[in-house]
Amino acid sequence: MSRKFSCILLTAAMILSFTFASAEESYVILDLTKPNDRVTGENTNLDSFTFDEGEEAYAGNLYNASRAGRFGGISIKIHDTEMKISSTKNRFLKIMIRVDETGSQNAFDKLVAYYWYAGDPDTPLDAKQASNIPVNGLTSLHGKTEYITFVWDLGWGEDEKTIDRFRLDMFSSSIDKAATSEEGYKCGKLYIKYIGFFDTKEQADNYDPFAPEPTTEPTEEPTPEPTTEPATPPETEPIPETGIPALVLAHVVSASMTGILVKRKRKAI
């Protein structure tokens, strides 16, 4: 096998390996920078979660509802996910979220996630809890109003299953940890740009739809050097007395003088 043919095969193998690696990567993204019917408030009587055109995100009204045991937060639900889950599939959840000034006064120390397997009745009693998610997973929202991204390991089981609903409760643990002790929508606002499910933490960490596009400076083409035609050597006429060309005679005289000057310079040293 020739060296050239071996190089071609090696290059082809590298291209295929990159293609397969990209094909194996999979994730589910819920883009909430535009209207999306698949996400709503969990309870139609309590959870107001709608698209905010000015914010370009979904906005939720944070509330206290003592009768329901809900304080300083909101519950949202994702419908019709038809998402495969396992210990290696869609295991890591990433969310981009912020709250307003009033919302930042909530503790957000009661985070709970639920899911339903495909075919299960859509009732709270049939929901499964994603127990691996940290209850204090959103406490960093307290005291801040800028967008923050969070990544959580949902810790799915080994066997592959399909879920078609997912719920996220984002509350404070008691009314004294809410922005206010008043009942109703008095606890501020919450905004979400996206929710994503990824196979690996590395995929989740690297996902950033708002990262600026890489810019490349335009390269300037080098200015070509001006070309000059080679000078034509002047014609020389022979000296009448000797017939030796004048230019040749000048070189001989110059060389002789140079030898004299060199000798004198060495002596001076």
C-alpha atoms as a PDB file:
ATOM      1  CA  MET A   1       0.000   0.000   0.000  1.00  0.00           C
ATOM      2  CA  SER A   2       1.444   3.339  -1.017  1.00  0.00           C
ATOM      3  CA  ARG A   3       2.186   6.075   1.495  1.00  0.00           C
ATOM      4  CA  LYS A   4      -0.240   8.433  -0.282  1.00  0.00           C
ATOM      5  CA  PHE A   5      -3.089   5.882  -0.152  1.00  0.00           C
ATOM      6  CA  SER A   6      -2.464   5.255   3.580  1.00  0.00           C
ATOM      7  CA  CYS A   7      -2.756   8.984   4.298  1.00  0.00           C
ATOM      8  CA  ILE A   8      -6.092   9.117   2.447  1.00  0.00           C
ATOM      9  CA  LEU A   9      -7.474   6.210   4.491  1.00  0.00           C
ATOM     10  CA  LEU A  10      -6.326   7.781   7.765  1.00  0.00           C
ATOM     11  CA  THR A  11      -7.975  11.109   6.904  1.00  0.00           C
ATOM     12  CA  ALA A  12     -11.231   9.359   5.972  1.00  0.00           C
ATOM     13  CA  ALA A  13     -11.229   7.427   9.261  1.00  0.00           C
ATOM     14  CA  MET A  14     -10.780  10.649  11.254  1.00  0.00           C
ATOM     15  CA  ILE A  15     -13.678  12.335   9.448  1.00  0.00           C
ATOM     16  CA  LEU A  16     -15.945   9.347  10.111  1.00  0.00           C
ATOM     17  CA  SER A  17     -15.038   9.270  13.803  1.00  0.00           C
ATOM     18  CA  PHE A  18     -15.976  12.943  14.205  1.00  0.00           C
ATOM     19  CA  THR A  19     -19.250  12.318  12.366  1.00  0.00           C
ATOM     20  CA  PHE A  20     -20.198   9.414  14.621  1.00  0.00           C
ATOM     21  CA  ALA A  21     -19.272  11.335  17.777  1.00  0.00           C
ATOM     22  CA  SER A  22     -21.549  14.189  16.749  1.00  0.00           C
ATOM     23  CA  ALA A  23     -24.347  11.811  15.819  1.00  0.00           C
ATOM     24  CA  GLU A  24     -24.213  10.162  19.258  1.00  0.00           C
ATOM     25  CA  GLU A  25     -24.748  13.474  21.067  1.00  0.00           C
ATOM     26  CA  SER A  26     -28.403  14.128  21.807  1.00  0.00           C
ATOM     27  CA  TYR A  27     -30.344  16.509  23.997  1.00  0.00           C
ATOM     28  CA  VAL A  28     -33.804  17.982  24.420  1.00  0.00           C
ATOM     29  CA  ILE A  29     -34.164  21.766  24.521  1.00  0.00           C
ATOM     30  CA  LEU A  30     -37.260  23.705  25.489  1.00  0.00           C
ATOM     31  CA  ASP A  31     -36.703  27.135  23.932  1.00  0.00           C
ATOM     32  CA  LEU A  32     -38.672  29.658  25.982  1.00  0.00           C
ATOM     33  CA  THR A  33     -37.494  32.763  24.134  1.00  0.00           C
ATOM     34  CA  LYS A  34     -40.645  32.422  22.019  1.00  0.00           C
ATOM     35  CA  PRO A  35     -44.159  31.082  22.657  1.00  0.00           C
ATOM     36  CA  ASN A  36     -44.141  27.364  23.438  1.00  0.00           C
ATOM     37  CA  ASP A  37     -47.328  25.419  24.093  1.00  0.00           C
ATOM     38  CA  ARG A  38     -45.499  22.559  25.779  1.00  0.00           C
ATOM     39  CA  VAL A  39     -44.860  24.480  29.011  1.00  0.00           C
ATOM     40  CA  THR A  40     -47.510  25.908  31.334  1.00  0.00           C
ATOM     41  CA  GLY A  41     -48.150  26.698  34.963  1.00  0.00           C
ATOM     42  CA  GLU A  42     -48.724  23.467  36.898  1.00  0.00           C
ATOM     43  CA  ASN A  43     -51.959  24.552  38.564  1.00  0.00           C
ATOM     44  CA  THR A  44     -54.257  26.615  36.356  1.00  0.00           C
ATOM     45  CA  ASN A  45     -55.748  28.319  39.418  1.00  0.00           C
ATOM     46  CA  LEU A  46     -52.412  29.287  40.984  1.00  0.00           C
ATOM     47  CA  ASP A  47     -49.491  29.160  38.553  1.00  0.00           C
ATOM     48  CA  SER A  48     -49.426  32.000  36.021  1.00  0.00           C
ATOM     49  CA  PHE A  49     -46.636  31.226  33.521  1.00  0.00           C
ATOM     50  CA  THR A  50     -46.822  32.959  30.139  1.00  0.00           C
ATOM     51  CA  PHE A  51     -44.580  34.349  27.418  1.00  0.00           C
ATOM     52  CA  ASP A  52     -43.199  37.847  28.036  1.00  0.00           C
ATOM     53  CA  GLU A  53     -42.375  39.462  24.686  1.00  0.00           C
ATOM     54  CA  GLY A  54     -40.313  42.292  26.201  1.00  0.00           C
ATOM     55  CA  GLU A  55     -38.144  39.903  28.221  1.00  0.00           C
ATOM     56  CA  GLU A  56     -38.070  37.299  25.436  1.00  0.00           C
ATOM     57  CA  ALA A  57     -38.641  34.634  28.067  1.00  0.00           C
ATOM     58  CA  TYR A  58     -41.434  32.902  29.926  1.00  0.00           C
ATOM     59  CA  ALA A  59     -42.511  34.826  33.013  1.00  0.00           C
ATOM     60  CA  GLY A  60     -44.094  33.493  36.171  1.00  0.00           C
ATOM     61  CA  ASN A  61     -45.837  35.371  38.963  1.00  0.00           C
ATOM     62  CA  LEU A  62     -44.412  34.248  42.317  1.00  0.00           C
ATOM     63  CA  TYR A  63     -46.962  33.829  45.059  1.00  0.00           C
ATOM     64  CA  ASN A  64     -47.967  32.664  48.523  1.00  0.00           C
ATOM     65  CA  ALA A  65     -50.846  30.202  48.865  1.00  0.00           C
ATOM     66  CA  SER A  66     -50.899  28.992  52.452  1.00  0.00           C
ATOM     67  CA  ARG A  67     -53.856  26.687  51.848  1.00  0.00           C
ATOM     68  CA  ALA A  68     -51.748  24.780  49.291  1.00  0.00           C
ATOM     69  CA  GLY A  69     -48.521  24.945  51.308  1.00  0.00           C
ATOM     70  CA  ARG A  70     -46.837  27.015  48.609  1.00  0.00           C
ATOM     71  CA  PHE A  71     -44.686  30.016  49.482  1.00  0.00           C
ATOM     72  CA  GLY A  72     -42.546  32.461  47.520  1.00  0.00           C
ATOM     73  CA  GLY A  73     -42.390  30.580  44.241  1.00  0.00           C
ATOM     74  CA  ILE A  74     -44.151  28.861  41.334  1.00  0.00           C
ATOM     75  CA  SER A  75     -44.673  25.421  39.807  1.00  0.00           C
ATOM     76  CA  ILE A  76     -44.356  24.783  36.059  1.00  0.00           C
ATOM     77  CA  LYS A  77     -45.072  21.727  33.946  1.00  0.00           C
ATOM     78  CA  ILE A  78     -43.692  20.436  30.632  1.00  0.00           C
ATOM     79  CA  HIS A  79     -46.139  18.416  28.526  1.00  0.00           C
ATOM     80  CA  ASP A  80     -45.761  15.852  25.737  1.00  0.00           C
ATOM     81  CA  THR A  81     -42.039  15.390  26.206  1.00  0.00           C
ATOM     82  CA  GLU A  82     -41.919  11.787  24.905  1.00  0.00           C
ATOM     83  CA  MET A  83     -38.370  11.831  26.224  1.00  0.00           C
ATOM     84  CA  LYS A  84     -36.148   8.775  26.673  1.00  0.00           C
ATOM     85  CA  ILE A  85     -34.406   8.669  30.055  1.00  0.00           C
ATOM     86  CA  SER A  86     -31.800   6.411  31.633  1.00  0.00           C
ATOM     87  CA  SER A  87     -28.508   6.704  33.490  1.00  0.00           C
ATOM     88  CA  THR A  88     -26.949   7.759  30.163  1.00  0.00           C
ATOM     89  CA  LYS A  89     -29.864   9.544  28.453  1.00  0.00           C
ATOM     90  CA  ASN A  90     -31.135  13.059  29.220  1.00  0.00           C
ATOM     91  CA  ARG A  91     -29.837  12.750  32.749  1.00  0.00           C
ATOM     92  CA  PHE A  92     -28.664  16.343  33.313  1.00  0.00           C
ATOM     93  CA  LEU A  93     -31.088  19.259  33.443  1.00  0.00           C
ATOM     94  CA  LYS A  94     -29.937  22.787  32.629  1.00  0.00           C
ATOM     95  CA  ILE A  95     -32.034  25.891  33.137  1.00  0.00           C
ATOM     96  CA  MET A  96     -31.428  29.620  32.538  1.00  0.00           C
ATOM     97  CA  ILE A  97     -33.413  31.694  34.991  1.00  0.00           C
ATOM     98  CA  ARG A  98     -33.629  35.039  36.756  1.00  0.00           C
ATOM     99  CA  VAL A  99     -35.939  36.915  39.128  1.00  0.00           C
ATOM    100  CA  ASP A 100     -36.785  40.577  39.552  1.00  0.00           C
ATOM    101  CA  GLU A 101     -35.904  42.704  42.580  1.00  0.00           C
ATOM    102  CA  THR A 102     -38.859  41.531  44.647  1.00  0.00           C
ATOM    103  CA  GLY A 103     -38.407  37.939  43.526  1.00  0.00           C
ATOM    104  CA  SER A 104     -34.795  37.974  44.704  1.00  0.00           C
ATOM    105  CA  GLN A 105     -36.046  38.291  48.294  1.00  0.00           C
ATOM    106  CA  ASN A 106     -37.459  34.736  48.205  1.00  0.00           C
ATOM    107  CA  ALA A 107     -35.265  31.984  49.662  1.00  0.00           C
ATOM    108  CA  PHE A 108     -35.969  29.396  46.890  1.00  0.00           C
ATOM    109  CA  ASP A 109     -34.911  26.633  49.286  1.00  0.00           C
ATOM    110  CA  LYS A 110     -37.582  24.117  48.269  1.00  0.00           C
ATOM    111  CA  LEU A 111     -36.850  22.771  44.792  1.00  0.00           C
ATOM    112  CA  VAL A 112     -38.643  19.543  43.819  1.00  0.00           C
ATOM    113  CA  ALA A 113     -38.967  17.792  40.441  1.00  0.00           C
ATOM    114  CA  TYR A 114     -41.601  15.239  39.388  1.00  0.00           C
ATOM    115  CA  TYR A 115     -42.141  13.180  36.251  1.00  0.00           C
ATOM    116  CA  TRP A 116     -44.655  10.798  34.737  1.00  0.00           C
ATOM    117  CA  TYR A 117     -43.909   7.721  32.679  1.00  0.00           C
ATOM    118  CA  ALA A 118     -45.622   7.477  29.305  1.00  0.00           C
ATOM    119  CA  GLY A 119     -49.076   6.027  29.768  1.00  0.00           C
ATOM    120  CA  ASP A 120     -49.382   6.901  33.462  1.00  0.00           C
ATOM    121  CA  PRO A 121     -52.450   8.907  34.542  1.00  0.00           C
ATOM    122  CA  ASP A 122     -51.799  12.626  34.834  1.00  0.00           C
ATOM    123  CA  THR A 123     -52.467  12.868  38.565  1.00  0.00           C
ATOM    124  CA  PRO A 124     -50.200  13.909  41.461  1.00  0.00           C
ATOM    125  CA  LEU A 125     -50.495  10.412  42.944  1.00  0.00           C
ATOM    126  CA  ASP A 126     -48.974   8.859  39.811  1.00  0.00           C
ATOM    127  CA  ALA A 127     -46.026  11.257  39.644  1.00  0.00           C
ATOM    128  CA  LYS A 128     -42.525  10.029  40.462  1.00  0.00           C
ATOM    129  CA  GLN A 129     -40.095  12.308  42.294  1.00  0.00           C
ATOM    130  CA  ALA A 130     -36.611  12.945  40.912  1.00  0.00           C
ATOM    131  CA  SER A 131     -35.067  12.525  44.347  1.00  0.00           C
ATOM    132  CA  ASN A 132     -31.530  13.248  43.157  1.00  0.00           C
ATOM    133  CA  ILE A 133     -32.235  16.931  42.509  1.00  0.00           C
ATOM    134  CA  PRO A 134     -31.006  19.143  45.398  1.00  0.00           C
ATOM    135  CA  VAL A 135     -33.702  20.857  47.433  1.00  0.00           C
ATOM    136  CA  ASN A 136     -31.482  23.975  47.676  1.00  0.00           C
ATOM    137  CA  GLY A 137     -30.644  23.942  43.961  1.00  0.00           C
ATOM    138  CA  LEU A 138     -32.018  27.459  43.361  1.00  0.00           C
ATOM    139  CA  THR A 139     -30.894  29.297  46.479  1.00  0.00           C
ATOM    140  CA  SER A 140     -28.351  31.250  44.399  1.00  0.00           C
ATOM    141  CA  LEU A 141     -31.279  33.287  43.043  1.00  0.00           C
ATOM    142  CA  HIS A 142     -31.656  34.926  46.439  1.00  0.00           C
ATOM    143  CA  GLY A 143     -30.265  38.471  46.360  1.00  0.00           C
ATOM    144  CA  LYS A 144     -29.570  38.467  42.583  1.00  0.00           C
ATOM    145  CA  THR A 145     -31.515  39.696  39.553  1.00  0.00           C
ATOM    146  CA  GLU A 146     -29.273  38.659  36.645  1.00  0.00           C
ATOM    147  CA  TYR A 147     -29.742  35.465  34.627  1.00  0.00           C
ATOM    148  CA  ILE A 148     -28.086  32.404  36.164  1.00  0.00           C
ATOM    149  CA  THR A 149     -27.702  28.909  34.691  1.00  0.00           C
ATOM    150  CA  PHE A 150     -28.061  25.802  36.842  1.00  0.00           C
ATOM    151  CA  VAL A 151     -27.149  22.189  36.027  1.00  0.00           C
ATOM    152  CA  TRP A 152     -28.598  19.311  38.048  1.00  0.00           C
ATOM    153  CA  ASP A 153     -28.056  15.567  37.877  1.00  0.00           C
ATOM    154  CA  LEU A 154     -31.510  13.964  37.815  1.00  0.00           C
ATOM    155  CA  GLY A 155     -30.034  10.532  38.559  1.00  0.00           C
ATOM    156  CA  TRP A 156     -32.287   8.450  36.332  1.00  0.00           C
ATOM    157  CA  GLY A 157     -32.205   4.657  36.751  1.00  0.00           C
ATOM    158  CA  GLU A 158     -30.218   2.249  34.597  1.00  0.00           C
ATOM    159  CA  ASP A 159     -33.180   1.006  32.532  1.00  0.00           C
ATOM    160  CA  GLU A 160     -34.320   3.122  29.621  1.00  0.00           C
ATOM    161  CA  LYS A 161     -37.858   4.467  29.956  1.00  0.00           C
ATOM    162  CA  THR A 162     -39.987   7.185  28.386  1.00  0.00           C
ATOM    163  CA  ILE A 163     -41.519  10.122  30.234  1.00  0.00           C
ATOM    164  CA  ASP A 164     -44.093  12.475  28.757  1.00  0.00           C
ATOM    165  CA  ARG A 165     -44.540  15.040  31.553  1.00  0.00           C
ATOM    166  CA  PHE A 166     -42.119  16.849  33.841  1.00  0.00           C
ATOM    167  CA  ARG A 167     -42.872  19.247  36.691  1.00  0.00           C
ATOM    168  CA  LEU A 168     -40.617  21.674  38.520  1.00  0.00           C
ATOM    169  CA  ASP A 169     -41.661  23.174  41.863  1.00  0.00           C
ATOM    170  CA  MET A 170     -39.591  26.253  42.706  1.00  0.00           C
ATOM    171  CA  PHE A 171     -40.706  27.487  46.113  1.00  0.00           C
ATOM    172  CA  SER A 172     -39.477  28.744  49.464  1.00  0.00           C
ATOM    173  CA  SER A 173     -39.831  26.411  52.434  1.00  0.00           C
ATOM    174  CA  SER A 174     -42.031  28.681  54.582  1.00  0.00           C
ATOM    175  CA  ILE A 175     -43.872  31.980  54.431  1.00  0.00           C
ATOM    176  CA  ASP A 176     -41.249  33.708  56.549  1.00  0.00           C
ATOM    177  CA  LYS A 177     -38.705  32.865  53.797  1.00  0.00           C
ATOM    178  CA  ALA A 178     -40.860  34.384  51.061  1.00  0.00           C
ATOM    179  CA  ALA A 179     -40.472  37.949  49.813  1.00  0.00           C
ATOM    180  CA  THR A 180     -43.613  38.915  51.736  1.00  0.00           C
ATOM    181  CA  SER A 181     -46.076  37.327  54.136  1.00  0.00           C
ATOM    182  CA  GLU A 182     -49.037  38.529  52.077  1.00  0.00           C
ATOM    183  CA  GLU A 183     -51.127  35.992  50.214  1.00  0.00           C
ATOM    184  CA  GLY A 184     -51.364  36.044  46.433  1.00  0.00           C
ATOM    185  CA  TYR A 185     -49.050  37.258  43.662  1.00  0.00           C
ATOM    186  CA  LYS A 186     -46.943  39.549  45.823  1.00  0.00           C
ATOM    187  CA  CYS A 187     -43.588  37.745  45.688  1.00  0.00           C
ATOM    188  CA  GLY A 188     -42.166  39.116  42.456  1.00  0.00           C
ATOM    189  CA  LYS A 189     -41.488  37.625  39.046  1.00  0.00           C
ATOM    190  CA  LEU A 190     -39.392  34.809  37.642  1.00  0.00           C
ATOM    191  CA  TYR A 191     -38.140  34.495  34.028  1.00  0.00           C
ATOM    192  CA  ILE A 192     -36.859  31.392  32.202  1.00  0.00           C
ATOM    193  CA  LYS A 193     -35.025  31.426  28.835  1.00  0.00           C
ATOM    194  CA  TYR A 194     -34.677  27.672  28.298  1.00  0.00           C
ATOM    195  CA  ILE A 195     -34.790  24.244  29.919  1.00  0.00           C
ATOM    196  CA  GLY A 196     -32.596  21.481  28.519  1.00  0.00           C
ATOM    197  CA  PHE A 197     -31.970  17.789  29.178  1.00  0.00           C
ATOM    198  CA  PHE A 198     -28.526  16.389  28.298  1.00  0.00           C
ATOM    199  CA  ASP A 199     -26.848  12.989  28.304  1.00  0.00           C
ATOM    200  CA  THR A 200     -23.699  14.215  30.056  1.00  0.00           C
ATOM    201  CA  LYS A 201     -22.731  17.054  32.360  1.00  0.00           C
ATOM    202  CA  GLU A 202     -20.126  18.157  29.826  1.00  0.00           C
ATOM    203  CA  GLN A 203     -22.830  18.639  27.186  1.00  0.00           C
ATOM    204  CA  ALA A 204     -24.928  20.608  29.659  1.00  0.00           C
ATOM    205  CA  ASP A 205     -22.016  22.800  30.744  1.00  0.00           C
ATOM    206  CA  ASN A 206     -21.031  23.563  27.154  1.00  0.00           C
ATOM    207  CA  TYR A 207     -24.524  24.417  25.912  1.00  0.00           C
ATOM    208  CA  ASP A 208     -24.886  28.190  25.575  1.00  0.00           C
ATOM    209  CA  PRO A 209     -27.236  29.513  22.871  1.00  0.00           C
ATOM    210  CA  PHE A 210     -26.405  33.091  23.857  1.00  0.00           C
ATOM    211  CA  ALA A 211     -22.634  32.848  23.465  1.00  0.00           C
ATOM    212  CA  PRO A 212     -21.357  35.497  21.018  1.00  0.00           C
ATOM    213  CA  GLU A 213     -20.390  34.303  17.575  1.00  0.00           C
ATOM    214  CA  PRO A 214     -16.615  34.015  17.171  1.00  0.00           C
ATOM    215  CA  THR A 215     -15.288  36.883  15.079  1.00  0.00           C
ATOM    216  CA  THR A 216     -12.295  36.732  12.778  1.00  0.00           C
ATOM    217  CA  GLU A 217     -10.375  39.791  11.670  1.00  0.00           C
ATOM    218  CA  PRO A 218     -10.230  40.177   7.883  1.00  0.00           C
ATOM    219  CA  THR A 219      -6.803  39.279   6.585  1.00  0.00           C
ATOM    220  CA  GLU A 220      -5.088  41.883   4.445  1.00  0.00           C
ATOM    221  CA  GLU A 221      -3.456  40.672   1.289  1.00  0.00           C
ATOM    222  CA  PRO A 222       0.190  41.667   1.089  1.00  0.00           C
ATOM    223  CA  THR A 223       0.919  44.535  -1.276  1.00  0.00           C
ATOM    224  CA  PRO A 224       3.060  43.260  -4.130  1.00  0.00           C
ATOM    225  CA  GLU A 225       6.524  44.770  -4.349  1.00  0.00           C
ATOM    226  CA  PRO A 226       7.013  47.055  -7.378  1.00  0.00           C
ATOM    227  CA  THR A 227       8.963  45.334 -10.107  1.00  0.00           C
ATOM    228  CA  THR A 228      11.739  47.104 -11.985  1.00  0.00           C
ATOM    229  CA  GLU A 229      13.263  46.086 -15.224  1.00  0.00           C
ATOM    230  CA  PRO A 230      16.993  45.184 -14.942  1.00  0.00           C
ATOM    231  CA  ALA A 231      19.176  48.040 -16.086  1.00  0.00           C
ATOM    232  CA  THR A 232      20.866  47.537 -19.410  1.00  0.00           C
ATOM    233  CA  PRO A 233      24.631  47.866 -19.012  1.00  0.00           C
ATOM    234  CA  PRO A 234      25.964  50.863 -20.920  1.00  0.00           C
ATOM    235  CA  GLU A 235      27.804  50.211 -24.062  1.00  0.00           C
ATOM    236  CA  THR A 236      31.523  50.959 -23.840  1.00  0.00           C
ATOM    237  CA  GLU A 237      33.731  52.187 -26.547  1.00  0.00           C
ATOM    238  CA  PRO A 238      37.358  51.090 -26.856  1.00  0.00           C
ATOM    239  CA  ILE A 239      40.057  53.629 -26.012  1.00  0.00           C
ATOM    240  CA  PRO A 240      41.672  54.557 -29.243  1.00  0.00           C
ATOM    241  CA  GLU A 241      45.260  54.194 -28.009  1.00  0.00           C
ATOM    242  CA  THR A 242      44.939  50.642 -26.532  1.00  0.00           C
ATOM    243  CA  GLY A 243      41.678  49.202 -27.775  1.00  0.00           C
ATOM    244  CA  ILE A 244      40.730  48.210 -24.107  1.00  0.00           C
ATOM    245  CA  PRO A 245      37.120  48.976 -23.191  1.00  0.00           C
ATOM    246  CA  ALA A 246      36.824  52.009 -20.896  1.00  0.00           C
ATOM    247  CA  LEU A 247      34.654  50.153 -18.297  1.00  0.00           C
ATOM    248  CA  VAL A 248      37.177  47.316 -17.969  1.00  0.00           C
ATOM    249  CA  LEU A 249      40.024  49.766 -17.572  1.00  0.00           C
ATOM    250  CA  ALA A 250      38.085  51.597 -14.832  1.00  0.00           C
ATOM    251  CA  HIS A 251      37.662  48.329 -12.854  1.00  0.00           C
ATOM    252  CA  VAL A 252      41.362  47.579 -13.093  1.00  0.00           C
ATOM    253  CA  VAL A 253      42.296  51.030 -11.826  1.00  0.00           C
ATOM    254  CA  SER A 254      39.764  50.796  -9.014  1.00  0.00           C
ATOM    255  CA  ALA A 255      41.079  47.403  -7.877  1.00  0.00           C
ATOM    256  CA  SER A 256      44.621  48.694  -7.853  1.00  0.00           C
ATOM    257  CA  MET A 257      43.692  51.689  -5.730  1.00  0.00           C
ATOM    258  CA  THR A 258      41.770  49.444  -3.341  1.00  0.00           C
ATOM    259  CA  GLY A 259      44.850  47.322  -2.757  1.00  0.00           C
ATOM    260  CA  ILE A 260      46.865  50.374  -1.938  1.00  0.00           C
ATOM    261  CA  LEU A 261      44.289  51.681   0.491  1.00  0.00           C
ATOM    262  CA  VAL A 262      44.029  48.349   2.273  1.00  0.00           C
ATOM    263  CA  LYS A 263      47.734  48.138   2.710  1.00  0.00           C
ATOM    264  CA  ARG A 264      47.821  51.609   4.193  1.00  0.00           C
ATOM    265  CA  LYS A 265      44.938  50.824   6.567  1.00  0.00           C
ATOM    266  CA  ARG A 266      46.628  47.774   7.956  1.00  0.00           C
ATOM    267  CA  LYS A 267      49.718  49.723   8.631  1.00  0.00           C
ATOM    268  CA  ALA A 268      47.834  52.329  10.554  1.00  0.00           C
ATOM    269  CA  ILE A 269      46.544  49.560  12.885  1.00  0.00           C
END
